[in-house]
Amino acid sequence: MAEDLRWHVEAKTLFLQGELDRETLIGLWQQREKVMQSIEMIDVSGLQRVDSAGLALLVHLRQIAQQQGARPLFSGVTDKLHSLITLYNLQQIIVSADNPV
């Protein structure tokens, strides 16, 4: 059974925890516009699992922030998530604060 996705905002950072996949992302999807207001960093260190649907949501969250004038970075990118980002050739889109391009 999938672990729920949880999130909170603190000091212009969106913290994601749990699993970000097609089963768990609905709540965040429904609140995405509100959640992304003033976000400059998306911390994914608390995610245990991300699938391709979750990765697509991360790309979309970044796009929302860009439309609001921000260029958010991602922090806490795990090796597994980095591999998924590379597999989909998204290194220029999902930019890690730890290894900016």
Protein backbone atom coordinates (compact mmCIF):
# COMPACT_ATOMS: atom_id res chain seq x y z
CA MET A 1 0.00 0.00 0.00
CA ALA A 2 1.27 3.45 -0.95
CA GLU A 3 2.27 5.87 1.77
CA ASP A 4 0.34 9.11 1.62
CA LEU A 5 1.88 12.27 0.23
CA ARG A 6 2.23 15.07 2.76
CA TRP A 7 3.44 18.61 2.22
CA HIS A 8 3.89 21.89 4.02
CA VAL A 9 5.28 25.31 3.20
CA GLU A 10 7.85 27.04 5.34
CA ALA A 11 9.95 30.10 4.46
CA LYS A 12 9.26 29.96 0.69
CA THR A 13 10.10 26.24 0.60
CA LEU A 14 7.65 23.48 -0.27
CA PHE A 15 8.50 20.32 1.66
CA LEU A 16 7.23 17.04 0.19
CA GLN A 17 7.13 13.80 2.20
CA GLY A 18 5.95 10.26 1.56
CA GLU A 19 5.28 8.91 -1.92
CA LEU A 20 4.66 11.04 -4.98
CA ASP A 21 2.95 8.81 -7.50
CA ARG A 22 -0.24 8.56 -9.50
CA GLU A 23 -2.05 7.14 -6.47
CA THR A 24 -1.09 9.90 -4.02
CA LEU A 25 -0.71 13.15 -5.98
CA ILE A 26 -4.39 14.10 -6.31
CA GLY A 27 -4.52 16.28 -3.17
CA LEU A 28 -1.46 18.29 -4.16
CA TRP A 29 -2.69 18.55 -7.75
CA GLN A 30 -5.97 20.06 -6.53
CA GLN A 31 -4.16 22.66 -4.40
CA ARG A 32 -1.16 23.28 -6.67
CA GLU A 33 -1.87 26.94 -7.50
CA LYS A 34 -2.31 27.92 -3.85
CA VAL A 35 0.59 25.80 -2.61
CA MET A 36 3.05 27.24 -5.12
CA GLN A 37 2.55 30.91 -4.21
CA SER A 38 5.94 32.46 -3.38
CA ILE A 39 7.82 29.12 -3.56
CA GLU A 40 11.54 29.40 -4.32
CA MET A 41 12.64 25.90 -3.25
CA ILE A 42 11.02 22.47 -3.48
CA ASP A 43 12.49 20.08 -0.94
CA VAL A 44 12.06 16.47 -2.09
CA SER A 45 14.33 14.90 0.53
CA GLY A 46 11.32 13.45 2.37
CA LEU A 47 10.04 11.51 -0.64
CA GLN A 48 10.52 7.76 -0.45
CA ARG A 49 9.22 7.10 -3.96
CA VAL A 50 8.48 9.08 -7.12
CA ASP A 51 7.02 7.59 -10.30
CA SER A 52 6.67 9.17 -13.75
CA ALA A 53 3.34 10.80 -12.80
CA GLY A 54 4.99 12.31 -9.73
CA LEU A 55 7.88 13.54 -11.84
CA ALA A 56 5.39 15.17 -14.23
CA LEU A 57 3.80 16.94 -11.25
CA LEU A 58 7.21 18.25 -10.14
CA VAL A 59 7.73 19.68 -13.64
CA HIS A 60 4.26 21.26 -13.49
CA LEU A 61 4.89 22.76 -10.03
CA ARG A 62 8.04 24.36 -11.37
CA GLN A 63 6.09 25.76 -14.30
CA ILE A 64 3.49 27.29 -11.96
CA ALA A 65 6.25 28.95 -9.93
CA GLN A 66 7.84 30.29 -13.11
CA GLN A 67 4.52 31.80 -14.17
CA GLN A 68 4.54 33.61 -10.82
CA GLY A 69 8.04 34.96 -11.49
CA ALA A 70 10.10 32.44 -9.48
CA ARG A 71 12.76 29.98 -10.64
CA PRO A 72 12.55 27.30 -7.99
CA LEU A 73 15.36 24.87 -7.31
CA PHE A 74 14.94 21.37 -5.92
CA SER A 75 16.76 20.28 -2.78
CA GLY A 76 17.29 16.79 -1.39
CA VAL A 77 17.22 15.02 -4.77
CA THR A 78 18.00 11.36 -4.08
CA ASP A 79 20.03 9.14 -6.39
CA LYS A 80 16.85 7.32 -7.44
CA LEU A 81 15.05 10.56 -8.31
CA HIS A 82 18.15 11.85 -10.07
CA SER A 83 18.16 8.68 -12.18
CA LEU A 84 14.51 9.23 -13.11
CA ILE A 85 15.21 12.87 -13.98
CA THR A 86 18.11 11.76 -16.19
CA LEU A 87 16.05 9.00 -17.81
CA TYR A 88 13.49 11.60 -18.93
CA ASN A 89 16.22 14.13 -19.81
CA LEU A 90 14.86 16.73 -17.39
CA GLN A 91 18.15 17.93 -15.87
CA GLN A 92 17.63 21.43 -17.30
CA ILE A 93 14.10 21.60 -15.85
CA ILE A 94 14.42 19.96 -12.44
CA VAL A 95 17.55 21.71 -11.27
CA SER A 96 19.05 20.56 -7.99
CA ALA A 97 20.17 23.20 -5.52
CA ASP A 98 22.99 20.80 -4.66
CA ASN A 99 24.20 20.55 -8.28
CA PRO A 100 22.89 23.56 -10.21
CA VAL A 101 23.41 23.42 -13.97
